[in-house]
Amino acid sequence: MPEKRKAETSRDDEKASECCRVEAIVGIDERGQMVLPKDLREKAGLVPGDKLAVISCREGGSICCLTLIKADDLAGRIKDILGPMLKGLTGS
């Protein structure tokens, strides 16, 4: 692999590791509940009573990936995405 391509791949790997990584492996009990480790909850700023949206990704008809997003953050992201679109539709 050319040196330039190796450097680009290395930077891409670094960016991916900053963004997404395995933080913990959790189990699911007989009631379908799981516990997020305390250190992960603290890093994410999660406190009792917080709501999380579960986002699923499908591949080949099956769910292959689940992502948790704080519900308040999700609402803000939707507003950021849809707000400009709605303004464009209404001419406001």
Protein backbone atom coordinates (compact mmCIF):
# COMPACT_ATOMS: atom_id res chain seq x y z
CA MET A 1 0.00 0.00 0.00
CA PRO A 2 1.45 3.41 -0.90
CA GLU A 3 2.67 5.52 2.04
CA LYS A 4 0.09 8.25 1.39
CA ARG A 5 -2.76 5.72 1.51
CA LYS A 6 -1.37 4.20 4.75
CA ALA A 7 -1.35 7.65 6.38
CA GLU A 8 -4.93 8.34 5.23
CA THR A 9 -6.10 4.96 6.55
CA SER A 10 -4.36 5.61 9.86
CA ARG A 11 -6.09 9.02 10.22
CA ASP A 12 -9.45 7.46 9.31
CA ASP A 13 -8.92 4.77 11.96
CA GLU A 14 -8.06 7.43 14.55
CA LYS A 15 -11.20 9.43 13.72
CA ALA A 16 -13.36 6.30 13.96
CA SER A 17 -11.85 5.37 17.33
CA GLU A 18 -12.60 8.88 18.65
CA CYS A 19 -16.21 8.59 17.55
CA CYS A 20 -17.30 5.00 18.01
CA ARG A 21 -15.88 2.22 20.10
CA VAL A 22 -16.96 -0.63 22.32
CA GLU A 23 -17.42 0.92 25.76
CA ALA A 24 -18.81 -2.12 27.55
CA ILE A 25 -20.37 -5.53 27.06
CA VAL A 26 -23.64 -5.86 28.95
CA GLY A 27 -25.96 -8.79 29.52
CA ILE A 28 -29.73 -8.95 29.36
CA ASP A 29 -31.55 -10.56 32.27
CA GLU A 30 -34.66 -12.76 32.16
CA ARG A 31 -36.89 -9.64 32.28
CA GLY A 32 -35.13 -8.15 29.24
CA GLN A 33 -33.32 -5.52 31.29
CA MET A 34 -29.68 -4.53 31.05
CA VAL A 35 -27.47 -2.43 33.27
CA LEU A 36 -25.09 0.18 31.89
CA PRO A 37 -21.89 0.23 33.96
CA LYS A 38 -21.61 3.15 36.39
CA ASP A 39 -18.45 4.58 34.79
CA LEU A 40 -20.15 4.61 31.38
CA ARG A 41 -23.27 6.31 32.81
CA GLU A 42 -21.04 8.94 34.40
CA LYS A 43 -19.07 9.53 31.17
CA ALA A 44 -22.34 9.91 29.25
CA GLY A 45 -23.87 12.17 31.90
CA LEU A 46 -26.79 9.79 32.45
CA VAL A 47 -28.77 10.15 35.65
CA PRO A 48 -31.80 8.30 37.02
CA GLY A 49 -34.93 9.34 35.14
CA ASP A 50 -33.15 10.07 31.84
CA LYS A 51 -34.89 8.70 28.76
CA LEU A 52 -32.95 7.02 25.97
CA ALA A 53 -34.11 6.55 22.38
CA VAL A 54 -33.16 3.19 20.89
CA ILE A 55 -32.18 3.51 17.23
CA SER A 56 -31.88 0.32 15.18
CA CYS A 57 -30.00 -0.38 11.97
CA ARG A 58 -31.02 -3.23 9.69
CA GLU A 59 -28.95 -5.39 7.43
CA GLY A 60 -30.42 -8.22 5.41
CA GLY A 61 -33.82 -7.80 7.07
CA SER A 62 -32.49 -8.26 10.61
CA ILE A 63 -31.50 -5.71 13.22
CA CYS A 64 -27.71 -5.72 13.37
CA CYS A 65 -27.00 -2.66 15.49
CA LEU A 66 -28.66 -0.72 18.30
CA THR A 67 -27.64 2.79 19.31
CA LEU A 68 -28.76 4.68 22.40
CA ILE A 69 -29.25 8.45 22.22
CA LYS A 70 -30.48 10.67 25.03
CA ALA A 71 -34.09 11.49 24.14
CA ASP A 72 -33.53 15.21 24.76
CA ASP A 73 -30.56 15.20 22.38
CA LEU A 74 -32.56 13.33 19.74
CA ALA A 75 -35.35 15.90 19.90
CA GLY A 76 -32.82 18.69 19.42
CA ARG A 77 -31.20 16.93 16.47
CA ILE A 78 -34.56 16.39 14.78
CA LYS A 79 -35.41 20.06 15.28
CA ASP A 80 -32.03 21.07 13.80
CA ILE A 81 -32.61 18.88 10.74
CA LEU A 82 -36.31 19.51 10.15
CA GLY A 83 -36.44 23.18 11.18
CA PRO A 84 -34.70 24.54 8.06
CA MET A 85 -36.67 22.15 5.85
CA LEU A 86 -39.98 23.31 7.29
CA LYS A 87 -38.99 26.97 6.92
CA GLY A 88 -38.25 26.29 3.26
CA LEU A 89 -41.67 24.71 2.76
CA THR A 90 -43.61 27.45 4.50
CA GLY A 91 -41.51 30.30 3.16
CA SER A 92 -40.94 31.66 6.69
